[in-house]
Amino acid sequence: MKFVTPKSFTYEGGSQAVLLLHGFTGTTSDVRKLGRYLHKQGYTCHAPLYRGHGVGPDELTETGPVNWWQDALEGYRLLESKGYENIIVAGVSMGGVFALKMAVELPVKAVVSMCSPMHAKSIEDLSQRIYDYAKNFKMIEGKNEDQIKEELLEFKQKPMPFLTDLQQFIIEVSGKLDTITVPTFVIQGLKDDPLYIKSAKSIHDQVKTSHKQIRWYEHSGHIITMGEEREQVFKDVHQFIQTV
């Protein structure tokens, strides 16, 4: 099976721009449908693909959160270079962490945080995410079960210091939530891991803006932009950014 590498995308629309940020081990495919929806509503949407994502697991382990954050920043700067001002930033999972960090450090117009962690997962949980990513990638490549098992055994021996860096990155952002003063919309699926549900409440409670809201989705899990309630999520995001 031929694997088609996901790419960054830009949908040129109106004068208002939305930066869309995907999560750890995810790709721009996770936010593409949201981008298309908002584009139809007249918005320009851009989503950068982070280094090491959408490619082989060995390439992923050679990158880290500093690289991914820089790629997210490049997405912001691309929109700036095109003349867009007051950019709205929306992210899923780790992309939501990046969106919140931008709200701390950059003159964004508003931030949308979707299923974002503010309490770092354990190294074991993060490692499992990497192993699942590696297994799925090898299956897409068309490798047989024995070959995948053998390659995963070898892959598990690789050191992954960037996972500790990711934990620290999340902790640092969580400590600055009270400096966010722009409009903030927190979105969370109730079928997600309890850590993310707890994080959603923390974000909403700690940001220092009167223009904030939180919305819970009963039938949604972690990648809420791809779940069964995604159309409602898209409508809610659109409704929120119309108010800013």
C-alpha atoms as a PDB file:
ATOM      1  CA  MET A   1       0.000   0.000   0.000  1.00  0.00           C
ATOM      2  CA  LYS A   2       1.378   3.406  -0.953  1.00  0.00           C
ATOM      3  CA  PHE A   3       1.404   5.820   1.956  1.00  0.00           C
ATOM      4  CA  VAL A   4       0.575   9.430   1.109  1.00  0.00           C
ATOM      5  CA  THR A   5       2.334  11.795   3.497  1.00  0.00           C
ATOM      6  CA  PRO A   6      -0.024  14.421   4.950  1.00  0.00           C
ATOM      7  CA  LYS A   7       0.894  18.025   4.253  1.00  0.00           C
ATOM      8  CA  SER A   8       0.346  21.485   5.650  1.00  0.00           C
ATOM      9  CA  PHE A   9      -2.657  23.204   4.097  1.00  0.00           C
ATOM     10  CA  THR A  10      -3.933  26.714   3.518  1.00  0.00           C
ATOM     11  CA  TYR A  11      -7.477  27.607   2.478  1.00  0.00           C
ATOM     12  CA  GLU A  12      -7.557  31.246   1.401  1.00  0.00           C
ATOM     13  CA  GLY A  13     -10.758  32.986   2.376  1.00  0.00           C
ATOM     14  CA  GLY A  14     -11.744  36.264   3.944  1.00  0.00           C
ATOM     15  CA  SER A  15      -9.791  38.832   5.932  1.00  0.00           C
ATOM     16  CA  GLN A  16     -10.030  36.860   9.201  1.00  0.00           C
ATOM     17  CA  ALA A  17      -7.544  33.989   9.630  1.00  0.00           C
ATOM     18  CA  VAL A  18      -7.634  30.893  11.826  1.00  0.00           C
ATOM     19  CA  LEU A  19      -4.485  28.906  12.617  1.00  0.00           C
ATOM     20  CA  LEU A  20      -5.301  25.215  13.170  1.00  0.00           C
ATOM     21  CA  LEU A  21      -2.874  23.062  15.158  1.00  0.00           C
ATOM     22  CA  HIS A  22      -2.903  19.265  15.324  1.00  0.00           C
ATOM     23  CA  GLY A  23      -1.742  17.094  18.201  1.00  0.00           C
ATOM     24  CA  PHE A  24       1.127  14.818  19.194  1.00  0.00           C
ATOM     25  CA  THR A  25       1.437  11.873  16.743  1.00  0.00           C
ATOM     26  CA  GLY A  26      -1.448  13.395  14.774  1.00  0.00           C
ATOM     27  CA  THR A  27      -1.425  15.172  11.414  1.00  0.00           C
ATOM     28  CA  THR A  28      -3.181  18.017   9.645  1.00  0.00           C
ATOM     29  CA  SER A  29      -5.849  15.470   8.674  1.00  0.00           C
ATOM     30  CA  ASP A  30      -7.165  15.864  12.233  1.00  0.00           C
ATOM     31  CA  VAL A  31      -8.100  19.501  11.600  1.00  0.00           C
ATOM     32  CA  ARG A  32      -8.738  19.478   7.852  1.00  0.00           C
ATOM     33  CA  LYS A  33     -12.524  19.073   8.106  1.00  0.00           C
ATOM     34  CA  LEU A  34     -12.708  21.938  10.589  1.00  0.00           C
ATOM     35  CA  GLY A  35     -10.586  24.011   8.215  1.00  0.00           C
ATOM     36  CA  ARG A  36     -12.889  23.271   5.298  1.00  0.00           C
ATOM     37  CA  TYR A  37     -15.936  24.124   7.380  1.00  0.00           C
ATOM     38  CA  LEU A  38     -14.542  27.469   8.512  1.00  0.00           C
ATOM     39  CA  HIS A  39     -13.327  28.231   4.998  1.00  0.00           C
ATOM     40  CA  LYS A  40     -16.892  27.820   3.744  1.00  0.00           C
ATOM     41  CA  GLN A  41     -17.923  30.374   6.361  1.00  0.00           C
ATOM     42  CA  GLY A  42     -15.487  32.881   4.852  1.00  0.00           C
ATOM     43  CA  TYR A  43     -12.337  32.376   6.935  1.00  0.00           C
ATOM     44  CA  THR A  44      -8.777  31.815   5.805  1.00  0.00           C
ATOM     45  CA  CYS A  45      -7.419  28.674   7.477  1.00  0.00           C
ATOM     46  CA  HIS A  46      -3.865  27.406   7.733  1.00  0.00           C
ATOM     47  CA  ALA A  47      -2.596  24.216   9.407  1.00  0.00           C
ATOM     48  CA  PRO A  48       1.131  23.402   9.604  1.00  0.00           C
ATOM     49  CA  LEU A  49       2.396  19.825   9.729  1.00  0.00           C
ATOM     50  CA  TYR A  50       5.035  19.422  12.423  1.00  0.00           C
ATOM     51  CA  ARG A  51       8.370  17.811  11.736  1.00  0.00           C
ATOM     52  CA  GLY A  52       8.420  14.065  12.318  1.00  0.00           C
ATOM     53  CA  HIS A  53       4.627  13.753  12.003  1.00  0.00           C
ATOM     54  CA  GLY A  54       2.917  11.844   9.229  1.00  0.00           C
ATOM     55  CA  VAL A  55       6.186  10.046   8.463  1.00  0.00           C
ATOM     56  CA  GLY A  56       7.991   7.005   9.839  1.00  0.00           C
ATOM     57  CA  PRO A  57       8.289   6.566  13.629  1.00  0.00           C
ATOM     58  CA  ASP A  58      12.086   6.758  13.517  1.00  0.00           C
ATOM     59  CA  GLU A  59      11.814  10.262  12.077  1.00  0.00           C
ATOM     60  CA  LEU A  60       9.330  11.225  14.799  1.00  0.00           C
ATOM     61  CA  THR A  61      11.750  10.216  17.544  1.00  0.00           C
ATOM     62  CA  GLU A  62      14.444  12.450  16.031  1.00  0.00           C
ATOM     63  CA  THR A  63      12.332  15.539  16.692  1.00  0.00           C
ATOM     64  CA  GLY A  64      10.757  17.003  19.813  1.00  0.00           C
ATOM     65  CA  PRO A  65       8.415  19.656  21.227  1.00  0.00           C
ATOM     66  CA  VAL A  66      10.871  22.488  20.508  1.00  0.00           C
ATOM     67  CA  ASN A  67      10.764  21.559  16.807  1.00  0.00           C
ATOM     68  CA  TRP A  68       6.985  21.173  16.793  1.00  0.00           C
ATOM     69  CA  TRP A  69       6.478  24.477  18.580  1.00  0.00           C
ATOM     70  CA  GLN A  70       8.714  26.187  16.018  1.00  0.00           C
ATOM     71  CA  ASP A  71       6.614  24.673  13.217  1.00  0.00           C
ATOM     72  CA  ALA A  72       3.449  25.986  14.873  1.00  0.00           C
ATOM     73  CA  LEU A  73       5.075  29.429  15.123  1.00  0.00           C
ATOM     74  CA  GLU A  74       6.006  29.275  11.445  1.00  0.00           C
ATOM     75  CA  GLY A  75       2.320  28.721  10.721  1.00  0.00           C
ATOM     76  CA  TYR A  76       1.477  31.875  12.658  1.00  0.00           C
ATOM     77  CA  ARG A  77       4.193  33.846  10.879  1.00  0.00           C
ATOM     78  CA  LEU A  78       2.986  32.624   7.491  1.00  0.00           C
ATOM     79  CA  LEU A  79      -0.441  34.129   8.157  1.00  0.00           C
ATOM     80  CA  GLU A  80       1.204  37.325   9.408  1.00  0.00           C
ATOM     81  CA  SER A  81       3.309  37.518   6.243  1.00  0.00           C
ATOM     82  CA  LYS A  82       0.124  37.334   4.178  1.00  0.00           C
ATOM     83  CA  GLY A  83      -1.163  40.420   5.963  1.00  0.00           C
ATOM     84  CA  TYR A  84      -3.572  38.818   8.424  1.00  0.00           C
ATOM     85  CA  GLU A  85      -3.955  40.538  11.773  1.00  0.00           C
ATOM     86  CA  ASN A  86      -5.642  39.425  14.993  1.00  0.00           C
ATOM     87  CA  ILE A  87      -5.239  35.731  14.196  1.00  0.00           C
ATOM     88  CA  ILE A  88      -7.466  33.208  15.973  1.00  0.00           C
ATOM     89  CA  VAL A  89      -5.634  30.051  17.073  1.00  0.00           C
ATOM     90  CA  ALA A  90      -7.372  26.695  17.566  1.00  0.00           C
ATOM     91  CA  GLY A  91      -5.663  23.450  18.503  1.00  0.00           C
ATOM     92  CA  VAL A  92      -6.416  19.836  19.376  1.00  0.00           C
ATOM     93  CA  SER A  93      -4.573  18.079  22.221  1.00  0.00           C
ATOM     94  CA  MET A  94      -0.916  19.178  22.054  1.00  0.00           C
ATOM     95  CA  GLY A  95      -2.014  21.646  19.378  1.00  0.00           C
ATOM     96  CA  GLY A  96      -4.257  23.168  22.022  1.00  0.00           C
ATOM     97  CA  VAL A  97      -1.250  23.524  24.325  1.00  0.00           C
ATOM     98  CA  PHE A  98       0.530  25.366  21.509  1.00  0.00           C
ATOM     99  CA  ALA A  99      -2.552  27.551  20.966  1.00  0.00           C
ATOM    100  CA  LEU A 100      -2.607  28.485  24.657  1.00  0.00           C
ATOM    101  CA  LYS A 101       1.126  29.244  24.606  1.00  0.00           C
ATOM    102  CA  MET A 102       0.527  31.557  21.647  1.00  0.00           C
ATOM    103  CA  ALA A 103      -2.209  33.285  23.649  1.00  0.00           C
ATOM    104  CA  VAL A 104       0.395  33.861  26.370  1.00  0.00           C
ATOM    105  CA  GLU A 105       3.176  35.122  24.102  1.00  0.00           C
ATOM    106  CA  LEU A 106       1.627  36.522  20.908  1.00  0.00           C
ATOM    107  CA  PRO A 107      -1.089  39.076  20.062  1.00  0.00           C
ATOM    108  CA  VAL A 108      -3.703  36.494  19.050  1.00  0.00           C
ATOM    109  CA  LYS A 109      -7.323  37.571  18.794  1.00  0.00           C
ATOM    110  CA  ALA A 110      -8.774  34.497  20.520  1.00  0.00           C
ATOM    111  CA  VAL A 111      -7.902  30.907  21.402  1.00  0.00           C
ATOM    112  CA  VAL A 112      -9.819  27.634  21.048  1.00  0.00           C
ATOM    113  CA  SER A 113      -8.488  24.750  23.147  1.00  0.00           C
ATOM    114  CA  MET A 114      -9.816  21.294  22.225  1.00  0.00           C
ATOM    115  CA  CYS A 115      -9.050  18.335  24.510  1.00  0.00           C
ATOM    116  CA  SER A 116      -5.764  19.895  25.613  1.00  0.00           C
ATOM    117  CA  PRO A 117      -3.647  18.420  28.422  1.00  0.00           C
ATOM    118  CA  MET A 118      -2.582  20.694  31.246  1.00  0.00           C
ATOM    119  CA  HIS A 119      -1.560  17.796  33.459  1.00  0.00           C
ATOM    120  CA  ALA A 120       1.273  15.852  31.806  1.00  0.00           C
ATOM    121  CA  LYS A 121       0.765  12.157  31.109  1.00  0.00           C
ATOM    122  CA  SER A 122       3.258   9.606  32.380  1.00  0.00           C
ATOM    123  CA  ILE A 123       6.268   8.593  30.288  1.00  0.00           C
ATOM    124  CA  GLU A 124       4.689   5.146  29.996  1.00  0.00           C
ATOM    125  CA  ASP A 125       1.484   6.588  28.512  1.00  0.00           C
ATOM    126  CA  LEU A 126       3.387   8.838  26.131  1.00  0.00           C
ATOM    127  CA  SER A 127       5.625   5.935  25.091  1.00  0.00           C
ATOM    128  CA  GLN A 128       2.539   3.865  24.315  1.00  0.00           C
ATOM    129  CA  ARG A 129       1.333   6.653  22.021  1.00  0.00           C
ATOM    130  CA  ILE A 130       4.617   6.387  20.120  1.00  0.00           C
ATOM    131  CA  TYR A 131       4.417   2.595  19.911  1.00  0.00           C
ATOM    132  CA  ASP A 132       0.821   2.739  18.672  1.00  0.00           C
ATOM    133  CA  TYR A 133       1.866   5.311  16.086  1.00  0.00           C
ATOM    134  CA  ALA A 134       4.734   3.070  14.964  1.00  0.00           C
ATOM    135  CA  LYS A 135       2.506  -0.006  14.720  1.00  0.00           C
ATOM    136  CA  ASN A 136      -0.187   1.801  12.751  1.00  0.00           C
ATOM    137  CA  PHE A 137       2.378   3.305  10.395  1.00  0.00           C
ATOM    138  CA  LYS A 138       3.934  -0.091   9.698  1.00  0.00           C
ATOM    139  CA  MET A 139       0.482  -1.584   9.053  1.00  0.00           C
ATOM    140  CA  ILE A 140      -0.249   1.177   6.541  1.00  0.00           C
ATOM    141  CA  GLU A 141       3.068   0.375   4.879  1.00  0.00           C
ATOM    142  CA  GLY A 142       1.720  -3.148   4.310  1.00  0.00           C
ATOM    143  CA  LYS A 143       4.163  -5.038   6.499  1.00  0.00           C
ATOM    144  CA  ASN A 144       3.087  -8.426   7.853  1.00  0.00           C
ATOM    145  CA  GLU A 145       2.438  -9.163  11.511  1.00  0.00           C
ATOM    146  CA  ASP A 146       5.753 -10.941  12.166  1.00  0.00           C
ATOM    147  CA  GLN A 147       7.755  -8.175  10.546  1.00  0.00           C
ATOM    148  CA  ILE A 148       5.905  -5.510  12.529  1.00  0.00           C
ATOM    149  CA  LYS A 149       6.451  -7.401  15.787  1.00  0.00           C
ATOM    150  CA  GLU A 150      10.180  -7.739  15.110  1.00  0.00           C
ATOM    151  CA  GLU A 151      10.597  -4.079  14.139  1.00  0.00           C
ATOM    152  CA  LEU A 152       8.620  -2.889  17.162  1.00  0.00           C
ATOM    153  CA  LEU A 153      10.861  -4.886  19.511  1.00  0.00           C
ATOM    154  CA  GLU A 154      13.848  -3.063  18.059  1.00  0.00           C
ATOM    155  CA  PHE A 155      12.006   0.274  18.098  1.00  0.00           C
ATOM    156  CA  LYS A 156      11.205  -0.028  21.804  1.00  0.00           C
ATOM    157  CA  GLN A 157      14.934   0.029  22.575  1.00  0.00           C
ATOM    158  CA  LYS A 158      15.287   3.572  21.216  1.00  0.00           C
ATOM    159  CA  PRO A 159      15.842   6.283  23.824  1.00  0.00           C
ATOM    160  CA  MET A 160      13.107   8.920  23.810  1.00  0.00           C
ATOM    161  CA  PRO A 161      14.265  11.865  25.927  1.00  0.00           C
ATOM    162  CA  PHE A 162      11.881  14.176  24.067  1.00  0.00           C
ATOM    163  CA  LEU A 163       8.978  12.669  26.022  1.00  0.00           C
ATOM    164  CA  THR A 164      10.304  14.266  29.201  1.00  0.00           C
ATOM    165  CA  ASP A 165      10.677  17.514  27.242  1.00  0.00           C
ATOM    166  CA  LEU A 166       7.021  17.251  26.219  1.00  0.00           C
ATOM    167  CA  GLN A 167       5.946  16.758  29.835  1.00  0.00           C
ATOM    168  CA  GLN A 168       7.900  19.855  30.859  1.00  0.00           C
ATOM    169  CA  PHE A 169       6.499  21.890  27.962  1.00  0.00           C
ATOM    170  CA  ILE A 170       2.933  21.148  29.087  1.00  0.00           C
ATOM    171  CA  ILE A 171       3.729  21.956  32.723  1.00  0.00           C
ATOM    172  CA  GLU A 172       5.283  25.296  31.741  1.00  0.00           C
ATOM    173  CA  VAL A 173       2.237  26.333  29.722  1.00  0.00           C
ATOM    174  CA  SER A 174      -0.144  25.265  32.491  1.00  0.00           C
ATOM    175  CA  GLY A 175       1.702  27.576  34.870  1.00  0.00           C
ATOM    176  CA  LYS A 176       0.982  30.607  32.663  1.00  0.00           C
ATOM    177  CA  LEU A 177      -2.752  30.169  32.059  1.00  0.00           C
ATOM    178  CA  ASP A 178      -3.515  33.069  34.381  1.00  0.00           C
ATOM    179  CA  THR A 179      -1.725  35.431  31.974  1.00  0.00           C
ATOM    180  CA  ILE A 180      -4.170  34.711  29.135  1.00  0.00           C
ATOM    181  CA  THR A 181      -6.577  37.613  28.697  1.00  0.00           C
ATOM    182  CA  VAL A 182      -7.980  37.029  25.191  1.00  0.00           C
ATOM    183  CA  PRO A 183     -11.343  35.338  24.521  1.00  0.00           C
ATOM    184  CA  THR A 184     -11.018  31.610  25.223  1.00  0.00           C
ATOM    185  CA  PHE A 185     -13.210  28.685  24.214  1.00  0.00           C
ATOM    186  CA  VAL A 186     -12.540  25.320  25.872  1.00  0.00           C
ATOM    187  CA  ILE A 187     -13.919  22.213  24.154  1.00  0.00           C
ATOM    188  CA  GLN A 188     -13.817  18.749  25.744  1.00  0.00           C
ATOM    189  CA  GLY A 189     -15.190  15.291  24.991  1.00  0.00           C
ATOM    190  CA  LEU A 190     -16.550  13.442  28.000  1.00  0.00           C
ATOM    191  CA  LYS A 191     -15.396  10.061  26.630  1.00  0.00           C
ATOM    192  CA  ASP A 192     -11.808  11.285  26.784  1.00  0.00           C
ATOM    193  CA  ASP A 193      -9.262  10.280  29.425  1.00  0.00           C
ATOM    194  CA  PRO A 194     -10.061  11.846  32.845  1.00  0.00           C
ATOM    195  CA  LEU A 195      -6.758  13.742  32.694  1.00  0.00           C
ATOM    196  CA  TYR A 196      -8.045  15.796  29.746  1.00  0.00           C
ATOM    197  CA  ILE A 197     -11.422  16.382  31.382  1.00  0.00           C
ATOM    198  CA  LYS A 198      -9.646  17.701  34.474  1.00  0.00           C
ATOM    199  CA  SER A 199      -7.407  19.823  32.244  1.00  0.00           C
ATOM    200  CA  ALA A 200     -10.374  21.411  30.457  1.00  0.00           C
ATOM    201  CA  LYS A 201     -11.763  22.670  33.762  1.00  0.00           C
ATOM    202  CA  SER A 202      -8.326  23.963  34.794  1.00  0.00           C
ATOM    203  CA  ILE A 203      -7.956  25.952  31.581  1.00  0.00           C
ATOM    204  CA  HIS A 204     -11.406  27.490  31.842  1.00  0.00           C
ATOM    205  CA  ASP A 205     -11.022  28.360  35.518  1.00  0.00           C
ATOM    206  CA  GLN A 206      -7.513  29.841  35.293  1.00  0.00           C
ATOM    207  CA  VAL A 207      -7.558  32.042  32.176  1.00  0.00           C
ATOM    208  CA  LYS A 208      -8.037  35.697  33.160  1.00  0.00           C
ATOM    209  CA  THR A 209     -10.705  36.795  30.731  1.00  0.00           C
ATOM    210  CA  SER A 210     -14.401  37.432  31.191  1.00  0.00           C
ATOM    211  CA  HIS A 211     -14.956  36.301  27.598  1.00  0.00           C
ATOM    212  CA  LYS A 212     -14.580  32.561  28.119  1.00  0.00           C
ATOM    213  CA  GLN A 213     -16.730  29.496  27.837  1.00  0.00           C
ATOM    214  CA  ILE A 214     -16.460  25.736  28.140  1.00  0.00           C
ATOM    215  CA  ARG A 215     -18.470  23.156  26.239  1.00  0.00           C
ATOM    216  CA  TRP A 216     -18.701  19.438  27.023  1.00  0.00           C
ATOM    217  CA  TYR A 217     -19.525  16.823  24.357  1.00  0.00           C
ATOM    218  CA  GLU A 218     -21.107  13.726  25.789  1.00  0.00           C
ATOM    219  CA  HIS A 219     -20.370  11.335  22.920  1.00  0.00           C
ATOM    220  CA  SER A 220     -16.871  12.497  21.977  1.00  0.00           C
ATOM    221  CA  GLY A 221     -13.410  11.185  22.755  1.00  0.00           C
ATOM    222  CA  HIS A 222      -9.987  12.731  22.332  1.00  0.00           C
ATOM    223  CA  ILE A 223      -9.673  13.766  18.671  1.00  0.00           C
ATOM    224  CA  ILE A 224     -12.949  15.619  18.870  1.00  0.00           C
ATOM    225  CA  THR A 225     -12.612  17.146  15.403  1.00  0.00           C
ATOM    226  CA  MET A 226     -12.913  13.635  13.939  1.00  0.00           C
ATOM    227  CA  GLY A 227     -15.582  12.240  16.280  1.00  0.00           C
ATOM    228  CA  GLU A 228     -19.319  11.754  15.858  1.00  0.00           C
ATOM    229  CA  GLU A 229     -20.107  15.199  17.257  1.00  0.00           C
ATOM    230  CA  ARG A 230     -17.633  16.977  14.988  1.00  0.00           C
ATOM    231  CA  GLU A 231     -20.281  18.910  13.052  1.00  0.00           C
ATOM    232  CA  GLN A 232     -21.571  20.390  16.308  1.00  0.00           C
ATOM    233  CA  VAL A 233     -17.995  21.190  17.326  1.00  0.00           C
ATOM    234  CA  PHE A 234     -17.454  23.010  14.021  1.00  0.00           C
ATOM    235  CA  LYS A 235     -20.653  25.023  14.469  1.00  0.00           C
ATOM    236  CA  ASP A 236     -19.732  25.907  18.046  1.00  0.00           C
ATOM    237  CA  VAL A 237     -16.232  27.025  17.051  1.00  0.00           C
ATOM    238  CA  HIS A 238     -17.709  29.179  14.296  1.00  0.00           C
ATOM    239  CA  GLN A 239     -20.272  30.685  16.652  1.00  0.00           C
ATOM    240  CA  PHE A 240     -17.565  31.485  19.190  1.00  0.00           C
ATOM    241  CA  ILE A 241     -15.169  33.178  16.752  1.00  0.00           C
ATOM    242  CA  GLN A 242     -18.053  35.266  15.430  1.00  0.00           C
ATOM    243  CA  THR A 243     -18.318  36.808  18.908  1.00  0.00           C
ATOM    244  CA  VAL A 244     -14.708  38.003  18.928  1.00  0.00           C
END
